[in-house]
C-alpha atoms as a PDB file:
ATOM      1  CA  MET A   1     -88.537 116.715 -60.990  1.00  0.00           C
ATOM      2  CA  THR A   2     -91.407 118.244 -58.789  1.00  0.00           C
ATOM      3  CA  ARG A   3     -92.314 116.613 -55.594  1.00  0.00           C
ATOM      4  CA  LYS A   4     -96.419 116.036 -54.710  1.00  0.00           C
ATOM      5  CA  SER A   5     -97.262 114.484 -51.424  1.00  0.00           C
ATOM      6  CA  GLY A   6     -94.416 112.731 -50.945  1.00  0.00           C
ATOM      7  CA  THR A   7     -93.461 111.625 -54.162  1.00  0.00           C
ATOM      8  CA  PHE A   8     -91.171 111.929 -57.416  1.00  0.00           C
ATOM      9  CA  ILE A   9     -93.500 113.553 -60.322  1.00  0.00           C
ATOM     10  CA  PRO A  10     -90.541 113.255 -63.235  1.00  0.00           C
ATOM     11  CA  ASN A  11     -91.116 116.120 -65.877  1.00  0.00           C
ATOM     12  CA  ALA A  12     -92.256 114.790 -69.310  1.00  0.00           C
ATOM     13  CA  GLY A  13     -89.290 116.216 -71.718  1.00  0.00           C
ATOM     14  CA  ALA A  14     -89.435 118.270 -74.680  1.00  0.00           C
ATOM     15  CA  VAL A  15     -91.388 116.249 -77.059  1.00  0.00           C
ATOM     16  CA  PRO A  16     -92.029 117.882 -80.986  1.00  0.00           C
ATOM     17  CA  GLU A  17     -95.828 117.885 -81.736  1.00  0.00           C
ATOM     18  CA  PRO A  18     -97.032 116.707 -85.078  1.00  0.00           C
ATOM     19  CA  GLU A  19     -96.976 120.108 -86.389  1.00  0.00           C
ATOM     20  CA  SER A  20     -93.543 120.621 -85.853  1.00  0.00           C
ATOM     21  CA  TRP A  21     -92.577 117.521 -87.413  1.00  0.00           C
ATOM     22  CA  ALA A  22     -94.883 117.990 -90.722  1.00  0.00           C
ATOM     23  CA  LEU A  23     -93.192 121.710 -91.487  1.00  0.00           C
ATOM     24  CA  MET A  24     -89.589 120.166 -90.716  1.00  0.00           C
ATOM     25  CA  ILE A  25     -90.206 116.775 -93.674  1.00  0.00           C
ATOM     26  CA  ALA A  26     -91.775 119.745 -95.950  1.00  0.00           C
ATOM     27  CA  GLY A  27     -89.003 122.014 -95.582  1.00  0.00           C
ATOM     28  CA  PHE A  28     -86.398 119.405 -96.325  1.00  0.00           C
ATOM     29  CA  GLY A  29     -88.542 117.714 -99.424  1.00  0.00           C
ATOM     30  CA  MET A  30     -88.827 121.848-100.459  1.00  0.00           C
ATOM     31  CA  VAL A  31     -84.613 122.026-100.374  1.00  0.00           C
ATOM     32  CA  GLY A  32     -84.574 118.865-102.291  1.00  0.00           C
ATOM     33  CA  ALA A  33     -86.660 119.857-105.382  1.00  0.00           C
ATOM     34  CA  VAL A  34     -84.261 123.108-105.332  1.00  0.00           C
ATOM     35  CA  MET A  35     -81.003 121.128-105.361  1.00  0.00           C
ATOM     36  CA  SER A  36     -82.741 118.852-107.707  1.00  0.00           C
ATOM     37  CA  GLY A  37     -84.729 121.352-110.022  1.00  0.00           C
ATOM     38  CA  ARG A  38     -81.102 123.464-110.256  1.00  0.00           C
ATOM     39  CA  SER A  39     -78.944 120.219-110.760  1.00  0.00           C
ATOM     40  CA  LYS A  40     -81.021 120.402-113.749  1.00  0.00           C
ATOM     41  CA  THR A  41     -80.549 123.105-114.970  1.00  0.00           C
ATOM     42  CA  ALA A  42     -77.064 123.750-114.671  1.00  0.00           C
ATOM     43  CA  VAL A  43     -76.931 120.797-116.976  1.00  0.00           C
ATOM     44  CA  ALA A  44     -78.976 122.007-119.296  1.00  0.00           C
ATOM     45  CA  ALA A  45     -76.964 125.431-119.655  1.00  0.00           C
END
């Protein structure tokens, strides 16, 4: 919190940016695709 002109102004908490969310979702998608691909090749072998 900061004090300015006799009033307390709360600081904003850390909010992830849209780019961060997009990268995280893309990463989960890639991990899922790799895991899916591995299970298919393991069954075929």
